[in-house]
Amino acid sequence: MANSGTIKSINIKSVLKTLSEHESITKSDIAKYTGLSFPTVSTVIEHLIYKNEVNEVGVEDSIGGRCAKKYSLNPMYVVSLLLYLEGNKLNWIVSDFCRNKIASGNLNCKDRILEEMDEIIYSIKSSYSQLASIVIGVASNVNNGKIMSHIEYKELQGINITERFEEKYGIPVIIENDMNVAVRGYWDRHSSNDIEVVVNIYIGDNGMGASMIINGKVLKGKSNFAGELHYLPICDDNIKYAKEGFGESDIVEYYGKVIQSYVSLINPNLIVLYNNVYIKGKLEDIKNYCKVRIPEEAMAKIILSDEFKEDYEFGLSMMASELIN
C-alpha cells in the first residue's frame, strides 16, 4: 500500500501535468481532468502556490454565482537547458517551466565538445540561478551517460558526461540518443491513442538512425543499441555510409530493406520517414518497393515528415520536465 508521502507526490504530479496542458485553469476543472477530489486539488494548489510553482491569474467569467479563481504554472519558477549535438554543431535552448523557449543559440564545437558544453552550462547557470535540469541529445549510441559508438565523437568516448556535469553543477543531467528523444517527441506531439507501435527513421550528419515506441514506451534494448541501423546486414558499405554519406547508395532499396526489417520484427502501425535530400520526392518509390515485398496485411502506414527538429526539441523539453518533477 502506498504511504501518504507517495500519494501526495502522485497527486502533485497529476495536478502539475494538468496545469502544464492549460494556459490557465480552475480548481474544479483540475479536479475533473485529474479525477482528484476538489479538497485534494485545493490542498495541492495551496502547496504549489506556497512553493512559487503556481500563480493565481484571475477569475473565470461568471455565469452566475461566485467567479472561480484560475491558476497557471509560474513559467520562471525553474528553467531547463536543452543541448543537442549533431556533427560538429551544438545547439542549446533555455526553456521555462511551461516548456516555452526563452533563449537559444548554436555554435561549432569541433574538437571542443565538452569544453563548449561546459561553457554554455556555466553561462546559463550564471544567468538563470533557477536552472533545474539539463538534457543532452546526441546523434550517437549512448548508454549510462557515455557515448558507446566507435564511429563518431572519439573525444567523448569513455567519459561519463552525466556524472561529469552533475558533480560540477549539482543539477540533474541526462544524455540520450537523438532518435530516442525524437520518437518520444513525435508520440507526445501527435494523437497516438489508436496506434500501438511507431518507428521513426532519419538521416543526419552522423548517418542513419531509427527509434521505436511501443504503447508510449521507447524501446531501447539492453544497452540502448536499438536503432543503430548501420549494423544491419543490408550491404557491405553500411559503415562507410555512416561516415561518408549515402551518395553512392540505392537509397530506395536501402530504406526499403530497413522498413522490411522493422515490419518483420515488430510489425509497426506507422513508420515516419524524416525528410532529407536523399529521399526527397521518393516516398512513393519507397512505398512501392515495400508493397511488392511485404504482405498487404502486415504493411505499415509510411509517411514523410519535415518536423524532425520539432519532435526532437519537444522530446528534450518533456525529458527536462520529468527531471524536475
Protein backbone atom coordinates (compact mmCIF):
# COMPACT_ATOMS: atom_id res chain seq x y z
CA MET A 1 0.00 0.00 0.00
CA ALA A 2 1.32 3.46 -0.90
CA ASN A 3 2.15 5.73 2.04
CA SER A 4 0.81 9.26 2.42
CA GLY A 5 4.02 10.81 1.07
CA THR A 6 3.83 8.75 -2.11
CA ILE A 7 0.15 9.58 -2.60
CA LYS A 8 0.87 13.30 -2.11
CA SER A 9 3.68 13.13 -4.68
CA ILE A 10 1.41 11.39 -7.20
CA ASN A 11 -1.31 14.00 -6.63
CA ILE A 12 1.14 16.86 -7.11
CA LYS A 13 2.45 15.37 -10.36
CA SER A 14 -1.09 14.86 -11.61
CA VAL A 15 -2.04 18.48 -10.87
CA LEU A 16 1.18 19.82 -12.41
CA LYS A 17 0.62 17.78 -15.56
CA THR A 18 -2.88 19.20 -15.94
CA LEU A 19 -1.63 22.74 -15.33
CA SER A 20 1.07 22.24 -17.97
CA GLU A 21 -1.61 21.36 -20.52
CA HIS A 22 -3.65 24.55 -19.95
CA GLU A 23 -2.76 28.22 -20.09
CA SER A 24 -4.93 28.73 -17.01
CA ILE A 25 -7.49 26.56 -15.25
CA THR A 26 -9.81 26.48 -12.23
CA LYS A 27 -9.64 24.04 -9.33
CA SER A 28 -12.93 22.46 -10.43
CA ASP A 29 -11.57 21.78 -13.89
CA ILE A 30 -8.34 20.38 -12.45
CA ALA A 31 -10.44 18.00 -10.34
CA LYS A 32 -12.37 16.97 -13.47
CA TYR A 33 -9.22 16.26 -15.51
CA THR A 34 -7.29 14.50 -12.75
CA GLY A 35 -10.10 12.62 -11.04
CA LEU A 36 -9.00 14.05 -7.69
CA SER A 37 -11.47 15.48 -5.20
CA PHE A 38 -11.91 19.25 -5.01
CA PRO A 39 -10.48 19.42 -1.44
CA THR A 40 -7.41 17.46 -2.56
CA VAL A 41 -6.88 19.77 -5.54
CA SER A 42 -7.26 22.79 -3.26
CA THR A 43 -4.64 21.44 -0.86
CA VAL A 44 -2.20 20.73 -3.71
CA ILE A 45 -2.74 24.16 -5.29
CA GLU A 46 -2.10 25.95 -2.00
CA HIS A 47 1.09 23.90 -1.56
CA LEU A 48 2.28 24.80 -5.08
CA ILE A 49 1.47 28.49 -4.57
CA TYR A 50 3.50 28.43 -1.35
CA LYS A 51 6.43 26.95 -3.27
CA ASN A 52 6.02 29.60 -6.01
CA GLU A 53 5.41 26.92 -8.66
CA VAL A 54 1.88 28.15 -9.39
CA ASN A 55 0.34 31.62 -9.75
CA GLU A 56 -3.22 32.81 -9.26
CA VAL A 57 -4.01 34.57 -12.54
CA GLY A 58 -7.52 35.97 -12.27
CA VAL A 59 -11.03 34.61 -12.28
CA GLU A 60 -13.24 32.72 -14.69
CA ASP A 61 -16.00 34.62 -16.49
CA SER A 62 -19.11 34.47 -14.33
CA ILE A 63 -22.27 32.67 -15.41
CA GLY A 64 -23.94 33.35 -12.09
CA GLY A 65 -22.60 32.99 -8.56
CA ARG A 66 -19.02 33.49 -7.38
CA CYS A 67 -16.31 33.64 -10.03
CA ALA A 68 -13.86 30.75 -9.73
CA LYS A 69 -10.19 31.62 -9.46
CA LYS A 70 -7.87 30.48 -12.21
CA TYR A 71 -4.33 29.19 -11.82
CA SER A 72 -1.32 28.64 -14.05
CA LEU A 73 2.23 27.46 -13.74
CA ASN A 74 4.77 30.12 -12.83
CA PRO A 75 6.85 29.98 -16.03
CA MET A 76 10.02 31.27 -14.38
CA TYR A 77 9.84 29.05 -11.30
CA VAL A 78 12.62 26.99 -12.86
CA VAL A 79 14.28 26.76 -16.27
CA SER A 80 15.88 23.87 -18.18
CA LEU A 81 18.82 23.72 -20.55
CA LEU A 82 18.42 21.57 -23.65
CA LEU A 83 21.57 20.73 -25.61
CA TYR A 84 21.71 18.69 -28.79
CA LEU A 85 24.72 17.69 -30.83
CA GLU A 86 24.82 16.57 -34.45
CA GLY A 87 28.00 16.53 -36.45
CA ASN A 88 30.07 19.45 -35.16
CA LYS A 89 27.06 21.66 -34.41
CA LEU A 90 25.99 22.14 -30.79
CA ASN A 91 22.54 23.67 -30.32
CA TRP A 92 21.26 24.99 -27.00
CA ILE A 93 17.85 26.10 -25.74
CA VAL A 94 16.70 27.52 -22.43
CA SER A 95 13.08 26.59 -21.73
CA ASP A 96 10.90 27.80 -18.89
CA PHE A 97 8.70 25.77 -16.52
CA CYS A 98 5.93 25.80 -19.15
CA ARG A 99 8.37 24.45 -21.78
CA ASN A 100 8.45 27.77 -23.67
CA LYS A 101 11.71 28.63 -25.43
CA ILE A 102 13.18 31.78 -23.85
CA ALA A 103 16.71 31.74 -25.29
CA SER A 104 18.62 29.69 -27.86
CA GLY A 105 21.76 29.54 -29.95
CA ASN A 106 24.26 27.25 -31.64
CA LEU A 107 27.96 27.00 -32.32
CA ASN A 108 30.61 24.89 -33.98
CA CYS A 109 32.31 22.68 -31.40
CA LYS A 110 34.73 20.55 -33.41
CA ASP A 111 37.34 19.01 -31.08
CA ARG A 112 35.93 21.06 -28.16
CA ILE A 113 32.61 19.39 -27.40
CA LEU A 114 32.96 19.02 -23.63
CA GLU A 115 34.56 22.44 -23.25
CA GLU A 116 31.79 24.17 -25.23
CA MET A 117 29.07 22.30 -23.33
CA ASP A 118 30.70 23.29 -20.07
CA GLU A 119 30.92 26.95 -21.09
CA ILE A 120 27.27 27.01 -22.14
CA ILE A 121 26.11 25.39 -18.88
CA TYR A 122 28.23 27.80 -16.82
CA SER A 123 26.87 30.80 -18.72
CA ILE A 124 23.23 29.70 -18.43
CA LYS A 125 23.62 28.85 -14.73
CA SER A 126 25.10 32.32 -14.17
CA SER A 127 22.15 33.96 -15.95
CA TYR A 128 19.43 31.71 -14.50
CA SER A 129 20.05 30.70 -10.90
CA GLN A 130 16.86 28.59 -11.07
CA LEU A 131 18.37 26.23 -13.67
CA ALA A 132 16.91 22.89 -12.58
CA SER A 133 17.64 20.31 -15.28
CA ILE A 134 19.91 19.65 -18.24
CA VAL A 135 19.08 17.29 -21.10
CA ILE A 136 21.62 16.44 -23.81
CA GLY A 137 20.70 14.80 -27.10
CA VAL A 138 23.46 13.23 -29.19
CA ALA A 139 23.43 11.69 -32.67
CA SER A 140 25.23 8.59 -31.42
CA ASN A 141 24.73 5.42 -29.42
CA VAL A 142 24.51 6.40 -25.73
CA ASN A 143 24.32 4.20 -22.64
CA ASN A 144 24.61 5.04 -18.93
CA GLY A 145 25.84 8.57 -19.58
CA LYS A 146 28.53 7.56 -22.09
CA ILE A 147 28.98 7.64 -25.87
CA MET A 148 29.32 4.00 -26.89
CA SER A 149 29.76 4.32 -30.67
CA HIS A 150 33.23 3.92 -32.17
CA ILE A 151 32.26 5.80 -35.33
CA GLU A 152 31.78 9.36 -34.10
CA TYR A 153 32.81 11.66 -31.21
CA LYS A 154 36.01 9.83 -30.30
CA GLU A 155 36.90 12.67 -27.91
CA LEU A 156 33.83 11.76 -25.77
CA GLN A 157 34.39 8.02 -25.59
CA GLY A 158 34.90 6.65 -22.09
CA ILE A 159 33.67 9.87 -20.43
CA ASN A 160 30.56 9.72 -18.25
CA ILE A 161 29.05 13.01 -19.36
CA THR A 162 26.09 12.76 -16.99
CA GLU A 163 28.28 12.32 -13.90
CA ARG A 164 30.75 14.97 -15.03
CA PHE A 165 28.18 17.76 -15.20
CA GLU A 166 26.01 16.60 -12.29
CA GLU A 167 29.02 16.60 -9.98
CA LYS A 168 30.21 20.01 -11.18
CA TYR A 169 26.89 21.86 -11.15
CA GLY A 170 24.67 19.91 -8.74
CA ILE A 171 21.88 19.75 -11.32
CA PRO A 172 20.22 16.57 -12.66
CA VAL A 173 21.54 15.73 -16.13
CA ILE A 174 20.52 13.12 -18.69
CA ILE A 175 22.07 12.31 -22.06
CA GLU A 176 20.15 10.36 -24.69
CA ASN A 177 20.33 9.23 -28.30
CA ASP A 178 18.70 11.75 -30.65
CA MET A 179 16.29 9.27 -32.23
CA ASN A 180 15.01 8.02 -28.88
CA VAL A 181 14.28 11.64 -27.97
CA ALA A 182 12.63 12.40 -31.31
CA VAL A 183 10.29 9.40 -31.26
CA ARG A 184 9.21 10.39 -27.75
CA GLY A 185 8.56 13.90 -29.04
CA TYR A 186 6.57 12.57 -32.00
CA TRP A 187 4.42 10.41 -29.73
CA ASP A 188 3.69 13.27 -27.33
CA ARG A 189 3.03 15.83 -30.10
CA HIS A 190 0.57 13.65 -32.02
CA SER A 191 -2.60 11.86 -31.08
CA SER A 192 -1.45 8.24 -30.82
CA ASN A 193 -4.40 6.68 -29.00
CA ASP A 194 -5.18 4.27 -31.83
CA ILE A 195 -1.54 3.43 -32.61
CA GLU A 196 0.47 0.82 -30.73
CA VAL A 197 3.87 1.00 -32.43
CA VAL A 198 5.65 3.88 -34.20
CA VAL A 199 9.05 3.71 -35.92
CA ASN A 200 10.97 6.86 -36.88
CA ILE A 201 13.85 6.83 -39.39
CA TYR A 202 16.24 9.74 -40.01
CA ILE A 203 19.43 10.56 -41.91
CA GLY A 204 21.51 13.36 -40.41
CA ASP A 205 25.15 14.46 -40.32
CA ASN A 206 26.11 11.30 -38.44
CA GLY A 207 24.41 8.82 -40.75
CA MET A 208 21.13 6.93 -40.48
CA GLY A 209 19.33 6.07 -37.26
CA ALA A 210 15.94 4.89 -36.11
CA SER A 211 13.86 4.50 -32.98
CA MET A 212 10.63 2.83 -31.95
CA ILE A 213 7.97 3.49 -29.36
CA ILE A 214 5.51 0.84 -28.22
CA ASN A 215 2.39 1.94 -26.31
CA GLY A 216 4.15 5.12 -25.22
CA LYS A 217 7.39 3.45 -24.10
CA VAL A 218 10.59 3.91 -26.13
CA LEU A 219 12.19 0.54 -26.81
CA LYS A 220 15.95 0.96 -26.46
CA GLY A 221 17.22 -2.58 -25.89
CA LYS A 222 19.72 -3.97 -23.38
CA SER A 223 22.38 -1.33 -23.99
CA ASN A 224 20.43 1.39 -25.84
CA PHE A 225 21.65 -0.11 -29.12
CA ALA A 226 18.23 -0.49 -30.77
CA GLY A 227 18.03 1.61 -33.93
CA GLU A 228 21.74 1.54 -34.83
CA LEU A 229 20.93 0.77 -38.47
CA HIS A 230 24.49 0.70 -39.78
CA TYR A 231 24.90 -2.72 -38.20
CA LEU A 232 22.04 -4.29 -40.16
CA PRO A 233 23.22 -6.73 -42.86
CA ILE A 234 21.88 -4.57 -45.69
CA CYS A 235 25.09 -4.16 -47.66
CA ASP A 236 28.87 -4.15 -47.28
CA ASP A 237 29.07 -0.35 -47.21
CA ASN A 238 26.95 0.32 -44.11
CA ILE A 239 29.75 1.76 -42.00
CA LYS A 240 31.08 3.70 -45.00
CA TYR A 241 27.67 5.31 -45.43
CA ALA A 242 27.68 6.27 -41.76
CA LYS A 243 30.98 8.09 -42.20
CA GLU A 244 30.74 9.46 -45.75
CA GLY A 245 27.03 9.76 -46.60
CA PHE A 246 24.65 7.89 -48.91
CA GLY A 247 25.59 9.48 -52.23
CA GLU A 248 26.59 6.16 -53.85
CA SER A 249 23.70 4.09 -52.48
CA ASP A 250 20.40 2.99 -53.98
CA ILE A 251 18.50 4.93 -51.34
CA VAL A 252 15.08 3.49 -52.23
CA GLU A 253 16.37 -0.05 -51.80
CA TYR A 254 18.23 0.91 -48.62
CA TYR A 255 15.17 2.44 -46.98
CA GLY A 256 13.06 -0.42 -48.25
CA LYS A 257 15.27 -3.02 -46.58
CA VAL A 258 15.24 -1.09 -43.30
CA ILE A 259 11.44 -0.93 -43.43
CA GLN A 260 11.24 -4.65 -44.27
CA SER A 261 13.33 -5.38 -41.18
CA TYR A 262 11.08 -3.38 -38.87
CA VAL A 263 7.86 -4.79 -40.34
CA SER A 264 9.17 -8.34 -39.96
CA LEU A 265 10.45 -7.90 -36.41
CA ILE A 266 7.93 -5.62 -34.68
CA ASN A 267 5.14 -5.04 -37.24
CA PRO A 268 4.57 -1.30 -36.53
CA ASN A 269 1.38 0.59 -37.26
CA LEU A 270 3.23 3.66 -38.52
CA ILE A 271 6.69 4.39 -39.95
CA VAL A 272 7.73 8.05 -40.03
CA LEU A 273 10.48 8.93 -42.52
CA TYR A 274 12.05 12.28 -41.69
CA ASN A 275 12.68 14.13 -44.93
CA ASN A 276 16.18 14.66 -46.29
CA VAL A 277 17.94 15.35 -49.59
CA TYR A 278 18.36 11.64 -50.31
CA ILE A 279 14.64 10.73 -50.26
CA LYS A 280 13.10 13.99 -51.43
CA GLY A 281 10.40 13.07 -53.95
CA LYS A 282 10.94 9.33 -53.45
CA LEU A 283 8.28 8.43 -50.90
CA GLU A 284 6.09 6.64 -53.43
CA ASP A 285 9.10 4.74 -54.79
CA ILE A 286 9.92 3.54 -51.27
CA LYS A 287 6.30 2.53 -50.66
CA ASN A 288 6.16 0.63 -53.96
CA TYR A 289 9.42 -1.16 -53.17
CA CYS A 290 7.91 -2.33 -49.90
CA LYS A 291 4.49 -3.24 -51.30
CA VAL A 292 5.89 -5.94 -53.57
CA ARG A 293 7.94 -7.47 -50.72
CA ILE A 294 5.68 -7.16 -47.67
CA PRO A 295 2.21 -8.78 -47.36
CA GLU A 296 -0.57 -6.20 -47.51
CA GLU A 297 -1.98 -7.18 -44.12
CA ALA A 298 1.41 -6.62 -42.48
CA MET A 299 2.26 -3.36 -44.22
CA ALA A 300 2.70 -0.30 -42.02
CA LYS A 301 1.47 3.15 -42.95
CA ILE A 302 4.50 5.11 -44.19
CA ILE A 303 4.54 8.91 -44.00
CA LEU A 304 7.06 11.66 -44.68
CA SER A 305 7.68 14.32 -42.03
CA ASP A 306 9.54 17.64 -42.19
CA GLU A 307 9.35 18.05 -38.40
CA PHE A 308 12.37 16.22 -37.04
CA LYS A 309 13.60 19.35 -35.25
CA GLU A 310 10.18 20.00 -33.71
CA ASP A 311 9.84 16.40 -32.49
CA TYR A 312 13.42 16.39 -31.19
CA GLU A 313 13.13 19.63 -29.27
CA PHE A 314 9.73 18.68 -27.85
CA GLY A 315 11.13 15.35 -26.67
CA LEU A 316 14.05 17.14 -25.00
CA SER A 317 11.69 19.54 -23.22
CA MET A 318 9.48 16.68 -21.98
CA MET A 319 12.52 14.86 -20.57
CA ALA A 320 13.68 18.08 -18.89
CA SER A 321 10.30 18.50 -17.22
CA GLU A 322 10.42 14.94 -15.92
CA LEU A 323 13.84 15.56 -14.38
CA ILE A 324 12.36 18.49 -12.45
CA ASN A 325 9.23 16.71 -11.29
